[in-house]
Every structure is written in structure tokens, then in C-alpha cells.
Amino acid sequence: MAKPKIYIDGKEGTTGLQIYERLGGREDLELLLIEEDKRKDLTERKRLINAADLVFLCLPDAAAVEAVGLLENDHTRIIDASTAHRTAEGWVYGFAELYRDPTQTIGTARFLANPGCHATGFLAAAAPLVSLGILPVDYPLTCYSLTGYSGGGKKMIAQYEADDKGEELYSPRIYGTTLKHKHLPEMQKIAGLETPPVFCPIVDDYYKGMATTILLHNRCLKGRPSAEDLREALAGYYAGQTLVSVAPYAQEETFLAANTLAGSDRLELTVNGHEEQTIITARFDNLGKGASGAAVQNMNLMLGFEPTRGLNL
């Protein structure tokens, strides 16, 4: 059987480079590479897109839409890492663990939208609780999410790693203060909520790793479950999964470091609280399960490979 041909459109960006690193040593794939002086050449990009069996789009939104328009065949499959198609008709949302049988959804998709990093953490906690009927669809959710600076791409990485960076870059910085963050549409739609959450993202002075937390009043949930009950519900939902797990319930006070899973393609949920209130925190690597790791997992499913092949477990 011929090796699937893979092209990464936008390999020079943070996500593209991470995908390339995960695929570069694999002998079951053929990577199509564009010459450096032609990487913005529309004709050459079009040729490679149509020569590939599967294309990763690691581009700004407008460029991703343009790239899809370059397709001239009925078989090349697309994984778009941008925001452009995450709520678009005809596109499958690429969070495998949210599907009962991802081989029948992601595995058969031609056009797949890779999730946003903050959205991944939010949905890992919220979507199962909605699906299980515990979290009402009209619940006024609040979420905050701490991320390393690599999530901001090359420009932000350069700012944080500069020798003369400003004093403000040494402390956590709240952003998205207009409450119109670009991940909100997918957070609302994929979770099945009537309204988007109040969402507060925070970037801090470390390279990679995320901690995304939702906050719940248990009396407003179906059955008034305790924090421990919610932990059991999530553990049951993700039972048997390799890349998403739920930590044991612990009542004692603890610190949750946002970079705990840096370098891994896994995600772990931690549930804390008591009878009346709960917080659920998803910790993962914003470049792993929050971006490139998820993209490679989705590619594996689409091409019939073991889902975790080439991933960091």
C-alpha cells in the first residue's frame, strides 16, 4: 500500500513546526515539502495541496479559507488548525474523545477543524456534563484559562524571550477583555450551550502548558451533585480513553501547576470542591492536545492509523 502523502501548508509557524516534528520521523507517511523560496507561491501551494492525500492548514483564518479554495479534486482531505471552520457547516470538529465512535465521525471526515487550545480545555469539562444532562444548557458558565506564551505564536514568543522585555511580561496578563475571544463560538456550539461562557484567558511567563477551569454552583445542576459526584461522572464518560483522563478526587488543598503536562499530548481533568461548589480544571499542553498533538491524532484517525501513533504519552 502506498504511503499517504501529507502536506503542511504553513510549516514555518509554531503549530506547523510542531506537526512536522511529530511526523518527520515516521516511515508510514510521505511528507511533501515546499521549497523555501516558493512557500508563498500560490501556484506551487495549489500543486502540493492537490497532490496530497491530507493537508494540514497552519495558517491565519483568511489564508486557510483561501487554501481550501485551491482544491481541485474530490479526495484530498483537510485538517484546518485555524479558527476559520470550527463552526462551519460541512466541517467535523476534531475533539475525538467527545464522540462515541470517532472512527465514524473524524475517521470518515474530509474536512476537519482542529479545536482551539482554550476551547479544548473548556469543552473537556463542560461538553460531557451537558451531554450527560447534568449541566443545563442555559447555565451561565464562567471560565478562566491560563496559558504559556507559546500559544501566541512567533511574535509573542519573541517578546517574552527578548533580553530587554518589559516588566509587565514577568507577571500573568489577563486579555480578551472585550469578552469576544475567537474561541467562544466553538466553545458554545460544541458544548451545546444557549449562551457563551464568560471567558477570561490569561497568559504568563512560561513557554507552554495550560490550565483551563470552569466554576460551578452545584445547586444549579441537575440532581445537585457534589464535586465528588461530578468527578465520578466525568471519569465514567472518559473511561478507556488514552489521551484524556480524570485525576482521583482529593479533598485536601493543593496547587495545580499549569505546565504539569508540558511536552505531553495528554489532557487531565482535576475536580475540586465540596457539596455546594465545584471547579473542574483541564491541564494539558497548548502545543500538544491543544494544537499539534490533536491535529496528529485526528490525522491518524482519518488515515486509519493507531490514534496515538507519533504522539507523546
C-alpha atoms as a PDB file:
ATOM      1  CA  MET A   1       0.000   0.000   0.000  1.00  0.00           C
ATOM      2  CA  ALA A   2       1.324   3.446  -0.940  1.00  0.00           C
ATOM      3  CA  LYS A   3       2.218   5.779   1.874  1.00  0.00           C
ATOM      4  CA  PRO A   4      -0.262   8.643   2.353  1.00  0.00           C
ATOM      5  CA  LYS A   5       1.127  11.935   1.063  1.00  0.00           C
ATOM      6  CA  ILE A   6       0.989  14.736   3.654  1.00  0.00           C
ATOM      7  CA  TYR A   7       1.484  18.446   3.049  1.00  0.00           C
ATOM      8  CA  ILE A   8       1.729  21.048   5.831  1.00  0.00           C
ATOM      9  CA  ASP A   9       0.675  24.434   4.464  1.00  0.00           C
ATOM     10  CA  GLY A  10       2.274  26.890   6.878  1.00  0.00           C
ATOM     11  CA  LYS A  11       5.015  24.628   8.242  1.00  0.00           C
ATOM     12  CA  GLU A  12       7.048  27.616   9.421  1.00  0.00           C
ATOM     13  CA  GLY A  13       4.569  28.640  12.120  1.00  0.00           C
ATOM     14  CA  THR A  14       4.515  27.289  15.679  1.00  0.00           C
ATOM     15  CA  THR A  15       1.751  24.734  15.047  1.00  0.00           C
ATOM     16  CA  GLY A  16       3.140  23.693  11.680  1.00  0.00           C
ATOM     17  CA  LEU A  17       6.614  23.115  13.088  1.00  0.00           C
ATOM     18  CA  GLN A  18       5.200  21.038  15.930  1.00  0.00           C
ATOM     19  CA  ILE A  19       3.242  18.864  13.479  1.00  0.00           C
ATOM     20  CA  TYR A  20       6.327  18.457  11.322  1.00  0.00           C
ATOM     21  CA  GLU A  21       8.372  17.361  14.340  1.00  0.00           C
ATOM     22  CA  ARG A  22       5.790  14.691  15.164  1.00  0.00           C
ATOM     23  CA  LEU A  23       5.643  13.411  11.580  1.00  0.00           C
ATOM     24  CA  GLY A  24       9.247  13.866  10.454  1.00  0.00           C
ATOM     25  CA  GLY A  25      10.483  10.523  11.742  1.00  0.00           C
ATOM     26  CA  ARG A  26       7.522   8.419  10.621  1.00  0.00           C
ATOM     27  CA  GLU A  27       8.147   5.869   7.898  1.00  0.00           C
ATOM     28  CA  ASP A  28       4.463   5.270   7.202  1.00  0.00           C
ATOM     29  CA  LEU A  29       3.949   8.718   5.646  1.00  0.00           C
ATOM     30  CA  GLU A  30       5.401  10.705   2.752  1.00  0.00           C
ATOM     31  CA  LEU A  31       5.839  14.389   3.563  1.00  0.00           C
ATOM     32  CA  LEU A  32       5.529  16.797   0.652  1.00  0.00           C
ATOM     33  CA  LEU A  33       7.821  19.770   1.221  1.00  0.00           C
ATOM     34  CA  ILE A  34       7.689  23.129  -0.483  1.00  0.00           C
ATOM     35  CA  GLU A  35      10.877  24.917  -1.469  1.00  0.00           C
ATOM     36  CA  GLU A  36      11.666  27.818   0.854  1.00  0.00           C
ATOM     37  CA  ASP A  37      11.515  30.451  -1.891  1.00  0.00           C
ATOM     38  CA  LYS A  38       8.097  29.154  -3.050  1.00  0.00           C
ATOM     39  CA  ARG A  39       6.272  28.836   0.258  1.00  0.00           C
ATOM     40  CA  LYS A  40       4.105  31.870  -0.592  1.00  0.00           C
ATOM     41  CA  ASP A  41       3.804  30.920  -4.254  1.00  0.00           C
ATOM     42  CA  LEU A  42       0.086  30.271  -4.829  1.00  0.00           C
ATOM     43  CA  THR A  43       0.689  28.041  -7.844  1.00  0.00           C
ATOM     44  CA  GLU A  44       3.150  25.792  -6.019  1.00  0.00           C
ATOM     45  CA  ARG A  45       0.968  25.602  -2.906  1.00  0.00           C
ATOM     46  CA  LYS A  46      -2.003  24.678  -5.086  1.00  0.00           C
ATOM     47  CA  ARG A  47       0.004  21.920  -6.745  1.00  0.00           C
ATOM     48  CA  LEU A  48       1.061  20.403  -3.436  1.00  0.00           C
ATOM     49  CA  ILE A  49      -2.395  20.706  -1.872  1.00  0.00           C
ATOM     50  CA  ASN A  50      -3.885  18.749  -4.758  1.00  0.00           C
ATOM     51  CA  ALA A  51      -1.035  16.217  -4.797  1.00  0.00           C
ATOM     52  CA  ALA A  52      -1.551  15.361  -1.132  1.00  0.00           C
ATOM     53  CA  ASP A  53      -3.872  12.820   0.428  1.00  0.00           C
ATOM     54  CA  LEU A  54      -4.147  15.008   3.511  1.00  0.00           C
ATOM     55  CA  VAL A  55      -3.239  18.657   4.114  1.00  0.00           C
ATOM     56  CA  PHE A  56      -2.698  20.462   7.401  1.00  0.00           C
ATOM     57  CA  LEU A  57      -3.569  24.157   7.208  1.00  0.00           C
ATOM     58  CA  CYS A  58      -1.455  26.045   9.756  1.00  0.00           C
ATOM     59  CA  LEU A  59      -2.398  29.486   8.518  1.00  0.00           C
ATOM     60  CA  PRO A  60      -4.279  32.650   9.531  1.00  0.00           C
ATOM     61  CA  ASP A  61      -8.036  32.380   9.033  1.00  0.00           C
ATOM     62  CA  ALA A  62      -8.252  34.203   5.699  1.00  0.00           C
ATOM     63  CA  ALA A  63      -5.336  32.229   4.252  1.00  0.00           C
ATOM     64  CA  ALA A  64      -6.931  28.967   5.409  1.00  0.00           C
ATOM     65  CA  VAL A  65     -10.160  29.823   3.595  1.00  0.00           C
ATOM     66  CA  GLU A  66      -8.112  30.694   0.508  1.00  0.00           C
ATOM     67  CA  ALA A  67      -6.241  27.380   0.719  1.00  0.00           C
ATOM     68  CA  VAL A  68      -9.468  25.370   0.793  1.00  0.00           C
ATOM     69  CA  GLY A  69     -10.476  27.218  -2.353  1.00  0.00           C
ATOM     70  CA  LEU A  70      -7.390  25.835  -4.105  1.00  0.00           C
ATOM     71  CA  LEU A  71      -8.753  22.282  -4.028  1.00  0.00           C
ATOM     72  CA  GLU A  72      -9.474  20.888  -7.482  1.00  0.00           C
ATOM     73  CA  ASN A  73     -10.170  17.265  -6.631  1.00  0.00           C
ATOM     74  CA  ASP A  74     -12.659  15.246  -4.617  1.00  0.00           C
ATOM     75  CA  HIS A  75     -10.271  13.284  -2.420  1.00  0.00           C
ATOM     76  CA  THR A  76      -7.676  15.484  -0.679  1.00  0.00           C
ATOM     77  CA  ARG A  77      -8.617  15.734   2.989  1.00  0.00           C
ATOM     78  CA  ILE A  78      -8.071  18.831   5.118  1.00  0.00           C
ATOM     79  CA  ILE A  79      -7.259  19.454   8.775  1.00  0.00           C
ATOM     80  CA  ASP A  80      -7.560  23.177   9.446  1.00  0.00           C
ATOM     81  CA  ALA A  81      -5.740  24.396  12.567  1.00  0.00           C
ATOM     82  CA  SER A  82      -7.127  27.937  12.208  1.00  0.00           C
ATOM     83  CA  THR A  83     -10.351  29.338  13.643  1.00  0.00           C
ATOM     84  CA  ALA A  84     -11.930  29.681  10.206  1.00  0.00           C
ATOM     85  CA  HIS A  85     -14.022  26.490  10.003  1.00  0.00           C
ATOM     86  CA  ARG A  86     -14.642  25.388  13.603  1.00  0.00           C
ATOM     87  CA  THR A  87     -18.349  26.163  13.484  1.00  0.00           C
ATOM     88  CA  ALA A  88     -18.769  25.921   9.699  1.00  0.00           C
ATOM     89  CA  GLU A  89     -21.303  23.644   8.027  1.00  0.00           C
ATOM     90  CA  GLY A  90     -19.738  20.574   6.439  1.00  0.00           C
ATOM     91  CA  TRP A  91     -16.759  20.528   8.809  1.00  0.00           C
ATOM     92  CA  VAL A  92     -16.256  17.966  11.573  1.00  0.00           C
ATOM     93  CA  TYR A  93     -14.962  19.269  14.896  1.00  0.00           C
ATOM     94  CA  GLY A  94     -11.797  17.397  15.819  1.00  0.00           C
ATOM     95  CA  PHE A  95     -12.115  16.564  19.522  1.00  0.00           C
ATOM     96  CA  ALA A  96     -12.054  12.777  19.300  1.00  0.00           C
ATOM     97  CA  GLU A  97     -12.954  11.975  22.896  1.00  0.00           C
ATOM     98  CA  LEU A  98     -16.288  13.785  22.627  1.00  0.00           C
ATOM     99  CA  TYR A  99     -17.570  11.218  20.095  1.00  0.00           C
ATOM    100  CA  ARG A 100     -18.888   7.781  20.940  1.00  0.00           C
ATOM    101  CA  ASP A 101     -17.094   6.371  17.894  1.00  0.00           C
ATOM    102  CA  PRO A 102     -14.531   8.797  16.434  1.00  0.00           C
ATOM    103  CA  THR A 103     -13.727   6.382  13.600  1.00  0.00           C
ATOM    104  CA  GLN A 104     -17.227   7.069  12.250  1.00  0.00           C
ATOM    105  CA  THR A 105     -17.022  10.858  12.635  1.00  0.00           C
ATOM    106  CA  ILE A 106     -13.425  12.034  12.472  1.00  0.00           C
ATOM    107  CA  GLY A 107     -12.350   8.868  10.646  1.00  0.00           C
ATOM    108  CA  THR A 108     -14.715   9.488   7.731  1.00  0.00           C
ATOM    109  CA  ALA A 109     -14.364  13.281   7.583  1.00  0.00           C
ATOM    110  CA  ARG A 110     -12.962  15.045   4.555  1.00  0.00           C
ATOM    111  CA  PHE A 111     -12.934  18.500   6.134  1.00  0.00           C
ATOM    112  CA  LEU A 112     -11.909  18.641   9.791  1.00  0.00           C
ATOM    113  CA  ALA A 113     -11.479  21.657  12.065  1.00  0.00           C
ATOM    114  CA  ASN A 114      -8.844  21.259  14.768  1.00  0.00           C
ATOM    115  CA  PRO A 115     -10.040  22.695  18.121  1.00  0.00           C
ATOM    116  CA  GLY A 116      -8.680  25.862  19.703  1.00  0.00           C
ATOM    117  CA  CYS A 117      -6.468  25.440  22.756  1.00  0.00           C
ATOM    118  CA  HIS A 118      -8.668  27.252  25.287  1.00  0.00           C
ATOM    119  CA  ALA A 119     -11.733  25.616  23.754  1.00  0.00           C
ATOM    120  CA  THR A 120     -10.175  22.177  24.254  1.00  0.00           C
ATOM    121  CA  GLY A 121      -9.829  22.724  27.988  1.00  0.00           C
ATOM    122  CA  PHE A 122     -13.304  24.198  28.334  1.00  0.00           C
ATOM    123  CA  LEU A 123     -15.024  21.501  26.280  1.00  0.00           C
ATOM    124  CA  ALA A 124     -13.203  18.657  28.030  1.00  0.00           C
ATOM    125  CA  ALA A 125     -15.050  19.639  31.214  1.00  0.00           C
ATOM    126  CA  ALA A 126     -18.288  21.252  30.019  1.00  0.00           C
ATOM    127  CA  ALA A 127     -19.353  19.197  26.981  1.00  0.00           C
ATOM    128  CA  PRO A 128     -19.643  15.829  28.792  1.00  0.00           C
ATOM    129  CA  LEU A 129     -21.673  17.373  31.613  1.00  0.00           C
ATOM    130  CA  VAL A 130     -24.126  18.850  29.104  1.00  0.00           C
ATOM    131  CA  SER A 131     -24.266  15.555  27.196  1.00  0.00           C
ATOM    132  CA  LEU A 132     -24.969  13.643  30.432  1.00  0.00           C
ATOM    133  CA  GLY A 133     -27.799  16.033  31.297  1.00  0.00           C
ATOM    134  CA  ILE A 134     -26.068  17.314  34.435  1.00  0.00           C
ATOM    135  CA  LEU A 135     -25.177  20.807  33.227  1.00  0.00           C
ATOM    136  CA  PRO A 136     -28.235  22.719  31.944  1.00  0.00           C
ATOM    137  CA  VAL A 137     -27.826  24.256  28.506  1.00  0.00           C
ATOM    138  CA  ASP A 138     -28.858  27.650  29.905  1.00  0.00           C
ATOM    139  CA  TYR A 139     -26.321  27.582  32.768  1.00  0.00           C
ATOM    140  CA  PRO A 140     -24.374  30.889  32.946  1.00  0.00           C
ATOM    141  CA  LEU A 141     -20.901  29.360  32.818  1.00  0.00           C
ATOM    142  CA  THR A 142     -17.719  31.151  33.837  1.00  0.00           C
ATOM    143  CA  CYS A 143     -14.293  30.009  32.696  1.00  0.00           C
ATOM    144  CA  TYR A 144     -10.733  31.213  33.108  1.00  0.00           C
ATOM    145  CA  SER A 145      -7.747  29.737  31.308  1.00  0.00           C
ATOM    146  CA  LEU A 146      -4.032  30.129  31.989  1.00  0.00           C
ATOM    147  CA  THR A 147      -1.633  29.537  29.089  1.00  0.00           C
ATOM    148  CA  GLY A 148       2.047  29.685  28.325  1.00  0.00           C
ATOM    149  CA  TYR A 149       3.218  32.338  25.891  1.00  0.00           C
ATOM    150  CA  SER A 150       3.918  29.914  23.019  1.00  0.00           C
ATOM    151  CA  GLY A 151       0.193  29.968  22.301  1.00  0.00           C
ATOM    152  CA  GLY A 152       0.605  33.500  20.976  1.00  0.00           C
ATOM    153  CA  GLY A 153       2.823  32.404  18.094  1.00  0.00           C
ATOM    154  CA  LYS A 154       6.210  33.626  16.925  1.00  0.00           C
ATOM    155  CA  LYS A 155       5.666  37.305  17.671  1.00  0.00           C
ATOM    156  CA  MET A 156       4.636  36.715  21.286  1.00  0.00           C
ATOM    157  CA  ILE A 157       7.398  34.145  21.792  1.00  0.00           C
ATOM    158  CA  ALA A 158       9.947  36.721  20.649  1.00  0.00           C
ATOM    159  CA  GLN A 159       8.501  39.313  23.043  1.00  0.00           C
ATOM    160  CA  TYR A 160       8.704  37.016  26.054  1.00  0.00           C
ATOM    161  CA  GLU A 161      12.156  35.686  25.213  1.00  0.00           C
ATOM    162  CA  ALA A 162      13.756  39.077  24.497  1.00  0.00           C
ATOM    163  CA  ASP A 163      16.535  40.121  26.887  1.00  0.00           C
ATOM    164  CA  ASP A 164      15.007  43.576  27.280  1.00  0.00           C
ATOM    165  CA  LYS A 165      11.368  42.559  27.761  1.00  0.00           C
ATOM    166  CA  GLY A 166       9.231  44.880  29.840  1.00  0.00           C
ATOM    167  CA  GLU A 167       8.493  44.280  33.495  1.00  0.00           C
ATOM    168  CA  GLU A 168       4.834  43.536  32.763  1.00  0.00           C
ATOM    169  CA  LEU A 169       5.844  40.374  30.865  1.00  0.00           C
ATOM    170  CA  TYR A 170       7.127  38.797  34.072  1.00  0.00           C
ATOM    171  CA  SER A 171       3.611  38.593  35.525  1.00  0.00           C
ATOM    172  CA  PRO A 172       0.305  36.975  34.473  1.00  0.00           C
ATOM    173  CA  ARG A 173      -1.609  39.138  31.983  1.00  0.00           C
ATOM    174  CA  ILE A 174      -5.367  38.997  31.503  1.00  0.00           C
ATOM    175  CA  TYR A 175      -6.517  39.504  27.911  1.00  0.00           C
ATOM    176  CA  GLY A 176      -9.673  39.004  25.867  1.00  0.00           C
ATOM    177  CA  THR A 177     -11.189  41.780  27.959  1.00  0.00           C
ATOM    178  CA  THR A 178     -13.868  42.603  25.374  1.00  0.00           C
ATOM    179  CA  LEU A 179     -15.295  39.127  26.130  1.00  0.00           C
ATOM    180  CA  LYS A 180     -15.275  38.325  22.415  1.00  0.00           C
ATOM    181  CA  HIS A 181     -12.396  35.843  22.291  1.00  0.00           C
ATOM    182  CA  LYS A 182     -12.172  33.963  18.993  1.00  0.00           C
ATOM    183  CA  HIS A 183     -12.684  30.561  20.671  1.00  0.00           C
ATOM    184  CA  LEU A 184     -16.079  31.473  22.135  1.00  0.00           C
ATOM    185  CA  PRO A 185     -18.231  30.388  19.142  1.00  0.00           C
ATOM    186  CA  GLU A 186     -16.846  26.846  19.184  1.00  0.00           C
ATOM    187  CA  MET A 187     -16.996  26.691  22.988  1.00  0.00           C
ATOM    188  CA  GLN A 188     -20.696  27.483  22.898  1.00  0.00           C
ATOM    189  CA  LYS A 189     -21.664  25.402  19.865  1.00  0.00           C
ATOM    190  CA  ILE A 190     -19.766  22.216  20.622  1.00  0.00           C
ATOM    191  CA  ALA A 191     -20.802  22.229  24.295  1.00  0.00           C
ATOM    192  CA  GLY A 192     -24.416  22.760  23.223  1.00  0.00           C
ATOM    193  CA  LEU A 193     -24.944  25.867  25.353  1.00  0.00           C
ATOM    194  CA  GLU A 194     -27.561  28.527  24.735  1.00  0.00           C
ATOM    195  CA  THR A 195     -25.098  31.332  25.502  1.00  0.00           C
ATOM    196  CA  PRO A 196     -21.294  31.541  25.502  1.00  0.00           C
ATOM    197  CA  PRO A 197     -19.446  31.436  28.827  1.00  0.00           C
ATOM    198  CA  VAL A 198     -17.947  34.491  30.442  1.00  0.00           C
ATOM    199  CA  PHE A 199     -14.373  33.658  29.482  1.00  0.00           C
ATOM    200  CA  CYS A 200     -11.146  35.108  30.872  1.00  0.00           C
ATOM    201  CA  PRO A 201      -7.859  33.982  29.264  1.00  0.00           C
ATOM    202  CA  ILE A 202      -4.529  34.697  30.981  1.00  0.00           C
ATOM    203  CA  VAL A 203      -1.005  34.458  29.542  1.00  0.00           C
ATOM    204  CA  ASP A 204       2.028  34.065  31.794  1.00  0.00           C
ATOM    205  CA  ASP A 205       5.824  33.975  31.647  1.00  0.00           C
ATOM    206  CA  TYR A 206       6.347  30.277  30.871  1.00  0.00           C
ATOM    207  CA  TYR A 207       6.646  28.601  27.481  1.00  0.00           C
ATOM    208  CA  LYS A 208       3.864  26.012  27.294  1.00  0.00           C
ATOM    209  CA  GLY A 209       1.135  24.349  29.306  1.00  0.00           C
ATOM    210  CA  MET A 210      -2.480  25.219  30.086  1.00  0.00           C
ATOM    211  CA  ALA A 211      -4.902  25.116  32.997  1.00  0.00           C
ATOM    212  CA  THR A 212      -8.489  25.826  31.953  1.00  0.00           C
ATOM    213  CA  THR A 213     -11.082  25.969  34.743  1.00  0.00           C
ATOM    214  CA  ILE A 214     -14.876  26.130  34.849  1.00  0.00           C
ATOM    215  CA  LEU A 215     -16.667  27.159  38.075  1.00  0.00           C
ATOM    216  CA  LEU A 216     -19.982  25.645  39.123  1.00  0.00           C
ATOM    217  CA  HIS A 217     -22.713  26.172  41.724  1.00  0.00           C
ATOM    218  CA  ASN A 218     -23.868  22.611  42.362  1.00  0.00           C
ATOM    219  CA  ARG A 219     -27.395  23.637  43.381  1.00  0.00           C
ATOM    220  CA  CYS A 220     -27.973  24.780  39.792  1.00  0.00           C
ATOM    221  CA  LEU A 221     -27.038  21.386  38.335  1.00  0.00           C
ATOM    222  CA  LYS A 222     -29.443  18.511  37.755  1.00  0.00           C
ATOM    223  CA  GLY A 223     -29.603  16.361  40.880  1.00  0.00           C
ATOM    224  CA  ARG A 224     -27.474  18.791  42.923  1.00  0.00           C
ATOM    225  CA  PRO A 225     -24.360  16.598  42.622  1.00  0.00           C
ATOM    226  CA  SER A 226     -21.349  17.097  44.863  1.00  0.00           C
ATOM    227  CA  ALA A 227     -17.895  17.775  43.466  1.00  0.00           C
ATOM    228  CA  GLU A 228     -17.058  14.111  44.015  1.00  0.00           C
ATOM    229  CA  ASP A 229     -20.199  13.080  42.106  1.00  0.00           C
ATOM    230  CA  LEU A 230     -19.120  15.251  39.179  1.00  0.00           C
ATOM    231  CA  ARG A 231     -15.676  13.677  39.232  1.00  0.00           C
ATOM    232  CA  GLU A 232     -17.255  10.218  39.005  1.00  0.00           C
ATOM    233  CA  ALA A 233     -19.479  11.286  36.116  1.00  0.00           C
ATOM    234  CA  LEU A 234     -16.505  12.605  34.144  1.00  0.00           C
ATOM    235  CA  ALA A 235     -14.416   9.534  34.939  1.00  0.00           C
ATOM    236  CA  GLY A 236     -17.176   7.349  33.569  1.00  0.00           C
ATOM    237  CA  TYR A 237     -17.507   9.468  30.439  1.00  0.00           C
ATOM    238  CA  TYR A 238     -13.789   9.194  29.647  1.00  0.00           C
ATOM    239  CA  ALA A 239     -13.330   5.594  30.794  1.00  0.00           C
ATOM    240  CA  GLY A 240     -10.953   3.730  28.493  1.00  0.00           C
ATOM    241  CA  GLN A 241      -9.526   6.845  26.855  1.00  0.00           C
ATOM    242  CA  THR A 242      -5.764   7.101  26.409  1.00  0.00           C
ATOM    243  CA  LEU A 243      -5.316  10.834  25.913  1.00  0.00           C
ATOM    244  CA  VAL A 244      -7.951  12.225  28.299  1.00  0.00           C
ATOM    245  CA  SER A 245      -8.147  11.128  31.928  1.00  0.00           C
ATOM    246  CA  VAL A 246      -9.663  12.265  35.220  1.00  0.00           C
ATOM    247  CA  ALA A 247      -7.497  12.528  38.327  1.00  0.00           C
ATOM    248  CA  PRO A 248      -8.617  10.850  41.570  1.00  0.00           C
ATOM    249  CA  TYR A 249     -10.778  13.021  43.794  1.00  0.00           C
ATOM    250  CA  ALA A 250      -8.859  14.692  46.604  1.00  0.00           C
ATOM    251  CA  GLN A 251     -10.377  16.869  49.331  1.00  0.00           C
ATOM    252  CA  GLU A 252      -7.148  18.379  50.575  1.00  0.00           C
ATOM    253  CA  GLU A 253      -5.877  21.774  49.455  1.00  0.00           C
ATOM    254  CA  THR A 254      -3.437  21.585  46.573  1.00  0.00           C
ATOM    255  CA  PHE A 255      -1.630  23.625  43.916  1.00  0.00           C
ATOM    256  CA  LEU A 256      -2.414  22.935  40.244  1.00  0.00           C
ATOM    257  CA  ALA A 257       0.511  23.929  38.033  1.00  0.00           C
ATOM    258  CA  ALA A 258      -0.456  24.926  34.503  1.00  0.00           C
ATOM    259  CA  ASN A 259       2.696  23.410  32.978  1.00  0.00           C
ATOM    260  CA  THR A 260       2.293  19.943  34.533  1.00  0.00           C
ATOM    261  CA  LEU A 261       1.637  18.276  31.158  1.00  0.00           C
ATOM    262  CA  ALA A 262       4.014  20.397  29.065  1.00  0.00           C
ATOM    263  CA  GLY A 263       5.617  18.132  26.480  1.00  0.00           C
ATOM    264  CA  SER A 264       2.731  15.651  26.563  1.00  0.00           C
ATOM    265  CA  ASP A 265      -0.179  15.138  24.178  1.00  0.00           C
ATOM    266  CA  ARG A 266      -2.482  14.061  27.018  1.00  0.00           C
ATOM    267  CA  LEU A 267      -5.097  16.059  28.937  1.00  0.00           C
ATOM    268  CA  GLU A 268      -6.041  15.512  32.578  1.00  0.00           C
ATOM    269  CA  LEU A 269      -9.122  16.811  34.369  1.00  0.00           C
ATOM    270  CA  THR A 270      -8.991  17.566  38.093  1.00  0.00           C
ATOM    271  CA  VAL A 271     -12.218  18.107  40.052  1.00  0.00           C
ATOM    272  CA  ASN A 272     -12.090  20.036  43.321  1.00  0.00           C
ATOM    273  CA  GLY A 273     -14.717  21.452  45.654  1.00  0.00           C
ATOM    274  CA  HIS A 274     -17.420  20.265  48.026  1.00  0.00           C
ATOM    275  CA  GLU A 275     -21.174  19.734  48.232  1.00  0.00           C
ATOM    276  CA  GLU A 276     -22.103  23.243  47.115  1.00  0.00           C
ATOM    277  CA  GLN A 277     -19.404  24.395  44.674  1.00  0.00           C
ATOM    278  CA  THR A 278     -17.055  22.779  42.164  1.00  0.00           C
ATOM    279  CA  ILE A 279     -14.147  23.740  39.969  1.00  0.00           C
ATOM    280  CA  ILE A 280     -13.027  21.496  37.121  1.00  0.00           C
ATOM    281  CA  THR A 281      -9.571  22.136  35.693  1.00  0.00           C
ATOM    282  CA  ALA A 282      -8.186  20.732  32.445  1.00  0.00           C
ATOM    283  CA  ARG A 283      -4.397  20.654  32.290  1.00  0.00           C
ATOM    284  CA  PHE A 284      -2.615  19.963  29.015  1.00  0.00           C
ATOM    285  CA  ASP A 285      -0.002  21.346  26.644  1.00  0.00           C
ATOM    286  CA  ASN A 286      -1.308  24.176  24.477  1.00  0.00           C
ATOM    287  CA  LEU A 287       1.019  22.915  21.716  1.00  0.00           C
ATOM    288  CA  GLY A 288       0.017  19.274  22.326  1.00  0.00           C
ATOM    289  CA  LYS A 289      -3.599  18.293  22.918  1.00  0.00           C
ATOM    290  CA  GLY A 290      -4.338  22.000  22.458  1.00  0.00           C
ATOM    291  CA  ALA A 291      -2.977  22.139  18.899  1.00  0.00           C
ATOM    292  CA  SER A 292      -0.455  19.923  17.093  1.00  0.00           C
ATOM    293  CA  GLY A 293      -0.941  16.780  19.145  1.00  0.00           C
ATOM    294  CA  ALA A 294      -4.679  16.874  18.491  1.00  0.00           C
ATOM    295  CA  ALA A 295      -4.037  17.506  14.786  1.00  0.00           C
ATOM    296  CA  VAL A 296      -1.832  14.419  14.501  1.00  0.00           C
ATOM    297  CA  GLN A 297      -4.338  12.341  16.477  1.00  0.00           C
ATOM    298  CA  ASN A 298      -7.036  13.452  14.030  1.00  0.00           C
ATOM    299  CA  MET A 299      -4.815  12.635  11.055  1.00  0.00           C
ATOM    300  CA  ASN A 300      -4.212   9.150  12.442  1.00  0.00           C
ATOM    301  CA  LEU A 301      -7.953   8.580  12.752  1.00  0.00           C
ATOM    302  CA  MET A 302      -8.624   9.904   9.247  1.00  0.00           C
ATOM    303  CA  LEU A 303      -5.948   7.685   7.697  1.00  0.00           C
ATOM    304  CA  GLY A 304      -6.736   4.542   9.690  1.00  0.00           C
ATOM    305  CA  PHE A 305      -3.613   4.541  11.871  1.00  0.00           C
ATOM    306  CA  GLU A 306      -3.464   3.881  15.614  1.00  0.00           C
ATOM    307  CA  PRO A 307      -4.818   7.166  17.070  1.00  0.00           C
ATOM    308  CA  THR A 308      -1.820   7.740  19.352  1.00  0.00           C
ATOM    309  CA  ARG A 309       0.890   6.914  16.811  1.00  0.00           C
ATOM    310  CA  GLY A 310       3.626   9.548  16.871  1.00  0.00           C
ATOM    311  CA  LEU A 311       2.256  11.251  19.990  1.00  0.00           C
ATOM    312  CA  ASN A 312       3.916  11.958  23.323  1.00  0.00           C
ATOM    313  CA  LEU A 313       2.136   9.965  26.000  1.00  0.00           C
END
